[in-house]
Amino acid sequence: MLLNRALPAAAVTLAPDDPLAITEVRTWPLREPLSRRRYTVLRLRAKAGIEGFGECGGLEAGDAESAERALAGQPATAVATIAARFTGRPALAAAVNMAALDLAARFAKVPLFQYLGGPTRFKVRAMTRLDDVAPNESMLRARAAGFRAFAVPLPARGAREQLEALRKAAGQEADFVLDAGGAGLPLRAAAALCREIETFHPYWFDEPCPASNLVGARRLANESVTPLGFGRDIADAASFEALLREEAVDVLRPSLALHGITGIRKLAAMAETRYVAVAPWHDGGPVGTAAALHLAASLPNFFIQQLPFPAAEEDRAMRAALSNSRLETPEGGFLALPQGHGLGVAPDVKALEQYREAAR
C-alpha cells in the first residue's frame, strides 16, 4: 500500500520549536524484476522538511495506516518511544527505526555511524549467498564483483566436496559459510555435517538445526569445533538470550528487517558480554544495506555483513537506481562506509515509483 499524503492537521500535535516532529509517512512496496525479491521502503518527513528512509520486508495495509496515526507529531529522536508503539509488528518497527535515525542524523548533519557514537571500523567485510541451483557460477560472478566471502546453500549430498570445489575455484583468500537455509536439519544429520566440515574451517555453519531446539544446539556446540550461527528468523530478544545462555551460538544473526538498527545494537551488547560475534542477516534492498553498514561501523563485535548480489542485471540496475551510488560494490571483499548525512542514501522517488509499478 502506498501512502502519499500529509497527516491530517487535527492528528498532528507539533511543538512550535520541534523541527523533528514527524508530519508525513509514505511507503513503497517494491519487487525486483527477475529475482522477485520483495521489500518495502518507508519515508518519514519532519516539520523542518528533512526526510529519513527505512526498509523492511512486506507490510500489510493496516501497518502503514497504523504508522500514520502513531507517528503524527512524534519527534524523530524519540526512538524508544516510537518503537514501543509497534509492539507485535517488528517489520514496521524496524523500518520506522531506520527512518527515524536517518532523519535525526541528517538534521545533525553527520553520518549515521557518527550519530551512533563513531565508527569502530572504516570498512565492512561483505558476504553474499550463492545461488541454490548453480553455486559455482554464482560464486564466480560474485567474486568478479568484489566479494571474497560466500554463504553456500547446503547441497543434497557432499557438503565437504562442494566447499572444497568452491575454494579451489575462488582461491585461498575466499571464506565460506555453510547455510542450511533457515529450516535446520535433523539433529543426527546436523551433527555429522559439523564433524565433516570442521577441518575445512568454515566461518560458521548457519542454522544447522532449528534455533528453538536449545538442547540440540547446545549438543552441536559441545560436540564439534565448527562455529554455529543462529537468528535470522528470531523476532524476540528472549530467544537470543536463551541461545547465549546455553552457549549454543558462536555468531548471532539477527535480521535487520525484524530488529532495525537499535534492536540489533541491543542484541549485540548482549552477545558481547559472552564474546559472541554478530553478523546481521539482510536479504532486502539497498536502503537496508546502507543501514547495515552504519550499524556494522557502530558494533565492536561485528563480524561480517551479508547482502544480496542478484544474478540478473535488471535486478542489479534496480538496486543501483534506488541507492544512486556504488553502495553495494565491494572492493577486495570490503564495502566502504556510506558518506554524507544520515544513511548517506536518498532513494530517487522516480525510481521508487517506477519499481512500485513493476511490483504489481
Protein backbone atom coordinates (compact mmCIF):
# COMPACT_ATOMS: atom_id res chain seq x y z
CA MET A 1 0.00 0.00 0.00
CA LEU A 2 1.22 3.50 -0.82
CA LEU A 3 0.69 6.46 1.47
CA ASN A 4 1.18 9.73 -0.35
CA ARG A 5 -0.32 12.47 1.75
CA ALA A 6 0.49 14.68 4.70
CA LEU A 7 -1.02 13.73 8.03
CA PRO A 8 -4.39 15.32 8.84
CA ALA A 9 -3.89 18.60 10.64
CA ALA A 10 -6.13 17.53 13.51
CA ALA A 11 -3.91 14.49 14.14
CA VAL A 12 -0.67 16.45 14.28
CA THR A 13 0.33 17.96 17.60
CA LEU A 14 3.57 19.71 16.82
CA ALA A 15 5.55 21.65 19.33
CA PRO A 16 6.30 25.05 17.76
CA ASP A 17 10.03 24.66 18.34
CA ASP A 18 10.38 20.97 17.34
CA PRO A 19 11.71 20.74 13.77
CA LEU A 20 11.95 16.94 14.01
CA ALA A 21 8.27 16.30 14.69
CA ILE A 22 7.03 13.79 12.10
CA THR A 23 4.43 15.16 9.72
CA GLU A 24 4.23 12.60 6.90
CA VAL A 25 4.66 8.87 6.31
CA ARG A 26 4.99 7.28 2.89
CA THR A 27 5.67 3.70 1.84
CA TRP A 28 6.66 1.96 -1.39
CA PRO A 29 6.29 -1.84 -1.71
CA LEU A 30 8.92 -2.99 -4.22
CA ARG A 31 9.80 -6.18 -6.04
CA GLU A 32 12.88 -6.86 -8.13
CA PRO A 33 12.01 -7.71 -11.76
CA LEU A 34 13.58 -11.19 -12.05
CA SER A 35 14.61 -12.41 -8.58
CA ARG A 36 11.17 -11.34 -7.27
CA ARG A 37 12.85 -10.29 -4.02
CA ARG A 38 10.40 -8.09 -2.11
CA TYR A 39 10.97 -5.26 0.34
CA THR A 40 9.29 -2.03 1.41
CA VAL A 41 10.87 1.42 1.59
CA LEU A 42 9.40 3.75 4.19
CA ARG A 43 9.96 7.52 4.29
CA LEU A 44 9.37 9.88 7.20
CA ARG A 45 9.21 13.64 6.74
CA ALA A 46 9.68 16.08 9.61
CA LYS A 47 8.37 19.58 10.18
CA ALA A 48 11.74 21.02 9.09
CA GLY A 49 11.28 19.38 5.67
CA ILE A 50 14.01 16.79 6.29
CA GLU A 51 13.34 13.23 5.19
CA GLY A 52 14.53 9.88 6.56
CA PHE A 53 14.33 6.45 4.94
CA GLY A 54 13.94 2.95 6.31
CA GLU A 55 13.31 -0.53 4.93
CA CYS A 56 11.72 -3.83 5.89
CA GLY A 57 10.04 -6.80 4.27
CA GLY A 58 6.43 -6.76 3.20
CA LEU A 59 3.92 -4.69 5.16
CA GLU A 60 0.21 -5.24 5.47
CA ALA A 61 -2.10 -2.39 4.52
CA GLY A 62 -3.03 -1.80 8.15
CA ASP A 63 0.60 -1.41 9.17
CA ALA A 64 1.09 1.70 7.05
CA GLU A 65 -2.12 3.25 8.36
CA SER A 66 -1.05 2.48 11.92
CA ALA A 67 2.27 4.22 11.32
CA GLU A 68 0.46 7.28 10.04
CA ARG A 69 -1.66 7.52 13.18
CA ALA A 70 1.04 6.56 15.70
CA LEU A 71 3.82 8.84 14.45
CA ALA A 72 1.89 12.06 13.99
CA GLY A 73 3.70 14.81 15.88
CA GLN A 74 6.28 12.48 17.43
CA PRO A 75 9.90 13.71 17.41
CA ALA A 76 12.20 11.51 15.34
CA THR A 77 14.70 11.48 18.20
CA ALA A 78 12.24 9.62 20.47
CA VAL A 79 13.45 6.26 19.15
CA ALA A 80 12.46 4.18 22.18
CA THR A 81 9.02 5.79 22.43
CA ILE A 82 8.37 5.25 18.74
CA ALA A 83 9.41 1.59 18.90
CA ALA A 84 7.01 0.95 21.78
CA ARG A 85 4.11 1.98 19.53
CA PHE A 86 4.64 -1.00 17.23
CA THR A 87 4.77 -3.92 19.65
CA GLY A 88 3.88 -7.10 17.78
CA ARG A 89 4.74 -5.59 14.38
CA PRO A 90 8.53 -5.98 14.23
CA ALA A 91 8.92 -5.30 10.49
CA LEU A 92 7.13 -1.96 10.74
CA ALA A 93 9.08 -1.06 13.89
CA ALA A 94 12.37 -1.89 12.12
CA ALA A 95 11.61 0.35 9.12
CA VAL A 96 10.46 3.24 11.31
CA ASN A 97 13.55 2.85 13.49
CA MET A 98 15.89 3.17 10.49
CA ALA A 99 13.99 6.12 9.06
CA ALA A 100 13.85 8.00 12.38
CA LEU A 101 17.59 7.56 12.93
CA ASP A 102 18.30 8.61 9.35
CA LEU A 103 16.17 11.71 9.81
CA ALA A 104 17.79 12.67 13.12
CA ALA A 105 21.33 12.19 11.78
CA ARG A 106 20.52 14.25 8.69
CA PHE A 107 19.28 17.02 10.95
CA ALA A 108 22.51 16.79 12.96
CA LYS A 109 24.44 16.91 9.64
CA VAL A 110 26.55 13.84 10.41
CA PRO A 111 26.73 10.29 9.00
CA LEU A 112 24.58 7.90 10.97
CA PHE A 113 27.59 5.97 12.28
CA GLN A 114 28.81 9.22 13.87
CA TYR A 115 25.35 9.85 15.33
CA LEU A 116 25.54 6.35 16.85
CA GLY A 117 28.82 7.16 18.61
CA GLY A 118 31.53 7.00 15.97
CA PRO A 119 32.96 4.15 13.87
CA THR A 120 34.67 1.06 15.24
CA ARG A 121 35.90 0.35 11.68
CA PHE A 122 36.20 2.20 8.39
CA LYS A 123 35.26 -0.61 6.02
CA VAL A 124 32.92 -3.58 6.33
CA ARG A 125 33.59 -7.19 5.34
CA ALA A 126 30.91 -8.34 2.91
CA MET A 127 29.39 -11.75 2.21
CA THR A 128 26.73 -12.88 -0.25
CA ARG A 129 24.66 -16.05 -0.52
CA LEU A 130 25.24 -18.20 -3.58
CA ASP A 131 22.56 -19.48 -5.90
CA ASP A 132 20.92 -22.77 -4.87
CA VAL A 133 20.91 -24.24 -8.37
CA ALA A 134 24.31 -23.13 -9.72
CA PRO A 135 26.55 -22.17 -6.78
CA ASN A 136 29.81 -22.36 -8.77
CA GLU A 137 28.68 -19.95 -11.46
CA SER A 138 27.11 -17.71 -8.84
CA MET A 139 30.35 -17.64 -6.85
CA LEU A 140 32.45 -16.71 -9.89
CA ARG A 141 30.10 -13.81 -10.71
CA ALA A 142 30.15 -12.57 -7.12
CA ARG A 143 33.93 -12.91 -6.89
CA ALA A 144 34.34 -10.89 -10.09
CA ALA A 145 32.12 -8.23 -8.48
CA GLY A 146 34.43 -7.95 -5.46
CA PHE A 147 33.11 -10.46 -2.91
CA ARG A 148 35.52 -12.74 -1.07
CA ALA A 149 33.14 -14.45 1.38
CA PHE A 150 30.21 -16.64 0.42
CA ALA A 151 27.29 -18.39 2.10
CA VAL A 152 26.93 -21.77 0.42
CA PRO A 153 23.46 -23.37 0.25
CA LEU A 154 23.55 -26.83 1.79
CA PRO A 155 23.70 -29.38 -1.07
CA ALA A 156 21.67 -32.57 -1.03
CA ARG A 157 24.90 -34.54 -0.58
CA GLY A 158 28.63 -33.95 -0.49
CA ALA A 159 28.82 -30.71 1.50
CA ARG A 160 32.56 -31.03 2.11
CA GLU A 161 33.23 -31.75 -1.56
CA GLN A 162 31.12 -28.74 -2.58
CA LEU A 163 33.01 -26.44 -0.23
CA GLU A 164 36.39 -27.69 -1.40
CA ALA A 165 35.45 -27.24 -5.08
CA LEU A 166 34.33 -23.68 -4.41
CA ARG A 167 37.52 -22.85 -2.52
CA LYS A 168 39.62 -24.28 -5.35
CA ALA A 169 37.76 -22.10 -7.86
CA ALA A 170 37.78 -18.96 -5.67
CA GLY A 171 41.31 -19.14 -4.29
CA GLN A 172 42.65 -19.47 -0.79
CA GLU A 173 41.70 -15.90 0.17
CA ALA A 174 37.99 -16.80 -0.06
CA ASP A 175 35.95 -17.74 3.03
CA PHE A 176 32.74 -19.72 3.31
CA VAL A 177 29.67 -20.26 5.46
CA LEU A 178 27.61 -23.42 5.08
CA ASP A 179 23.96 -22.36 5.06
CA ALA A 180 21.25 -24.84 5.97
CA GLY A 181 18.67 -22.38 4.69
CA GLY A 182 16.88 -21.42 7.88
CA ALA A 183 14.85 -24.63 8.23
CA GLY A 184 17.53 -26.59 10.06
CA LEU A 185 18.29 -30.32 9.86
CA PRO A 186 17.53 -33.40 11.97
CA LEU A 187 19.99 -33.37 14.84
CA ARG A 188 21.84 -36.52 13.79
CA ALA A 189 22.44 -35.18 10.28
CA ALA A 190 23.48 -31.76 11.60
CA ALA A 191 25.99 -33.36 13.98
CA ALA A 192 27.51 -35.44 11.18
CA LEU A 193 27.88 -32.36 8.98
CA CYS A 194 29.51 -30.37 11.79
CA ARG A 195 32.14 -33.09 12.13
CA GLU A 196 32.54 -33.43 8.36
CA ILE A 197 33.33 -29.77 7.72
CA GLU A 198 35.22 -28.82 10.87
CA THR A 199 38.69 -29.27 9.33
CA PHE A 200 37.60 -27.16 6.34
CA HIS A 201 37.35 -24.27 8.83
CA PRO A 202 34.22 -22.51 7.56
CA TYR A 203 33.38 -19.19 9.14
CA TRP A 204 30.37 -20.98 10.64
CA PHE A 205 27.51 -23.41 9.95
CA ASP A 206 24.30 -21.37 9.66
CA GLU A 207 21.08 -22.67 11.25
CA PRO A 208 22.21 -26.33 11.46
CA CYS A 209 19.11 -27.17 13.49
CA PRO A 210 16.00 -25.19 14.47
CA ALA A 211 17.03 -22.34 16.77
CA SER A 212 14.19 -23.30 19.11
CA ASN A 213 15.89 -26.65 19.79
CA LEU A 214 18.18 -25.38 22.55
CA VAL A 215 19.17 -28.86 23.71
CA GLY A 216 20.15 -29.83 20.18
CA ALA A 217 22.02 -26.59 19.52
CA ARG A 218 23.97 -26.96 22.76
CA ARG A 219 24.84 -30.54 21.87
CA LEU A 220 26.15 -29.50 18.45
CA ALA A 221 28.22 -26.74 20.02
CA ASN A 222 29.71 -29.15 22.57
CA GLU A 223 30.49 -32.00 20.16
CA SER A 224 32.20 -30.10 17.33
CA VAL A 225 34.56 -27.16 16.87
CA THR A 226 32.55 -25.93 13.86
CA PRO A 227 31.17 -22.49 14.82
CA LEU A 228 27.37 -22.20 14.76
CA GLY A 229 25.19 -19.29 13.67
CA PHE A 230 21.54 -18.71 14.57
CA GLY A 231 18.94 -15.97 14.44
CA ARG A 232 17.66 -14.95 11.01
CA ASP A 233 14.02 -15.72 11.87
CA ILE A 234 14.06 -14.93 15.59
CA ALA A 235 11.93 -11.89 16.43
CA ASP A 236 12.21 -11.77 20.24
CA ALA A 237 15.23 -10.92 22.38
CA ALA A 238 14.44 -13.70 24.88
CA SER A 239 15.20 -16.41 22.30
CA PHE A 240 18.58 -14.84 21.57
CA GLU A 241 19.28 -14.66 25.29
CA ALA A 242 18.45 -18.36 25.63
CA LEU A 243 20.94 -19.29 22.88
CA LEU A 244 23.61 -17.15 24.52
CA ARG A 245 22.87 -18.51 27.99
CA GLU A 246 23.16 -22.10 26.74
CA GLU A 247 26.45 -21.25 24.97
CA ALA A 248 24.92 -22.73 21.81
CA VAL A 249 25.81 -19.95 19.35
CA ASP A 250 29.09 -18.51 18.08
CA VAL A 251 27.68 -16.00 15.58
CA LEU A 252 24.44 -14.14 16.28
CA ARG A 253 22.42 -13.49 13.09
CA PRO A 254 19.55 -11.09 13.85
CA SER A 255 17.53 -9.92 10.86
CA LEU A 256 17.83 -6.23 10.03
CA ALA A 257 14.27 -6.29 8.69
CA LEU A 258 12.92 -7.59 12.03
CA HIS A 259 15.03 -5.69 14.58
CA GLY A 260 16.18 -2.49 12.91
CA ILE A 261 19.34 -0.70 13.93
CA THR A 262 18.54 -0.09 17.60
CA GLY A 263 17.28 -3.63 18.19
CA ILE A 264 20.43 -5.22 16.78
CA ARG A 265 22.64 -2.87 18.80
CA LYS A 266 20.91 -4.14 21.94
CA LEU A 267 21.33 -7.77 20.89
CA ALA A 268 24.99 -7.13 20.04
CA ALA A 269 25.56 -5.72 23.51
CA MET A 270 24.11 -8.92 24.99
CA ALA A 271 26.34 -11.02 22.73
CA GLU A 272 29.46 -9.00 23.53
CA THR A 273 29.30 -9.96 27.21
CA ARG A 274 29.69 -13.61 26.10
CA TYR A 275 32.33 -12.98 23.43
CA VAL A 276 29.91 -13.83 20.63
CA ALA A 277 30.20 -12.14 17.22
CA VAL A 278 27.32 -10.55 15.29
CA ALA A 279 26.72 -10.99 11.55
CA PRO A 280 23.30 -9.46 10.75
CA TRP A 281 21.02 -11.19 8.26
CA HIS A 282 20.00 -8.92 5.38
CA ASP A 283 18.14 -10.06 2.27
CA GLY A 284 16.36 -6.82 1.38
CA GLY A 285 17.16 -3.74 -0.68
CA PRO A 286 19.87 -1.06 -0.83
CA VAL A 287 18.34 1.17 1.86
CA GLY A 288 18.68 -1.78 4.22
CA THR A 289 22.27 -2.26 3.04
CA ALA A 290 23.10 1.36 3.91
CA ALA A 291 21.57 0.88 7.37
CA ALA A 292 23.52 -2.36 7.80
CA LEU A 293 26.84 -0.64 7.01
CA HIS A 294 26.26 2.15 9.53
CA LEU A 295 25.22 -0.47 12.07
CA ALA A 296 28.36 -2.52 11.37
CA ALA A 297 30.53 0.54 11.92
CA SER A 298 28.99 1.05 15.36
CA LEU A 299 29.35 -2.54 16.71
CA PRO A 300 32.58 -3.60 18.46
CA ASN A 301 31.74 -7.31 17.99
CA PHE A 302 30.64 -7.09 14.35
CA PHE A 303 31.92 -9.95 12.15
CA ILE A 304 30.64 -9.72 8.55
CA GLN A 305 27.65 -8.32 6.68
CA GLN A 306 25.59 -10.48 4.35
CA LEU A 307 23.83 -8.75 1.46
CA PRO A 308 22.16 -9.90 -1.76
CA PHE A 309 24.00 -10.00 -5.06
CA PRO A 310 21.29 -10.61 -7.69
CA ALA A 311 22.27 -12.70 -10.69
CA ALA A 312 20.21 -10.64 -13.14
CA GLU A 313 21.49 -7.34 -14.48
CA GLU A 314 17.93 -5.94 -14.34
CA ASP A 315 17.78 -6.53 -10.59
CA ARG A 316 21.21 -5.01 -10.01
CA ALA A 317 20.22 -1.99 -12.10
CA MET A 318 17.12 -1.51 -9.95
CA ARG A 319 19.17 -1.59 -6.75
CA ALA A 320 21.71 0.87 -8.17
CA ALA A 321 18.90 3.22 -9.23
CA LEU A 322 17.39 3.15 -5.74
CA SER A 323 20.65 3.86 -3.96
CA ASN A 324 22.12 6.15 -6.64
CA SER A 325 25.62 5.07 -5.59
CA ARG A 326 28.18 2.23 -5.56
CA LEU A 327 26.90 1.32 -2.14
CA GLU A 328 26.77 -2.43 -2.77
CA THR A 329 30.01 -2.77 -4.76
CA PRO A 330 32.77 -4.32 -2.60
CA GLU A 331 36.46 -3.93 -3.29
CA GLY A 332 38.64 -6.83 -2.22
CA GLY A 333 35.81 -8.20 -0.11
CA PHE A 334 35.04 -4.97 1.76
CA LEU A 335 32.35 -2.30 1.46
CA ALA A 336 33.09 1.35 2.17
CA LEU A 337 31.07 3.20 4.78
CA PRO A 338 28.45 5.47 3.22
CA GLN A 339 29.36 9.14 3.40
CA GLY A 340 27.05 12.11 3.66
CA HIS A 341 24.48 12.86 6.31
CA GLY A 342 22.24 10.19 7.80
CA LEU A 343 22.24 6.92 5.88
CA GLY A 344 24.03 8.64 3.02
CA VAL A 345 21.37 7.25 0.67
CA ALA A 346 18.24 9.05 -0.54
CA PRO A 347 16.30 6.84 -2.97
CA ASP A 348 15.11 8.66 -6.06
CA VAL A 349 11.33 9.00 -5.88
CA LYS A 350 11.02 8.46 -9.64
CA ALA A 351 12.84 5.14 -9.27
CA LEU A 352 10.64 4.17 -6.32
CA GLU A 353 7.54 4.93 -8.36
CA GLN A 354 8.89 3.04 -11.38
CA TYR A 355 9.61 -0.14 -9.45
CA ARG A 356 6.46 0.13 -7.38
CA GLU A 357 4.52 -0.13 -10.62
CA ALA A 358 6.68 -3.10 -11.65
CA ALA A 359 5.82 -4.83 -8.36
CA ARG A 360 2.12 -5.06 -9.14
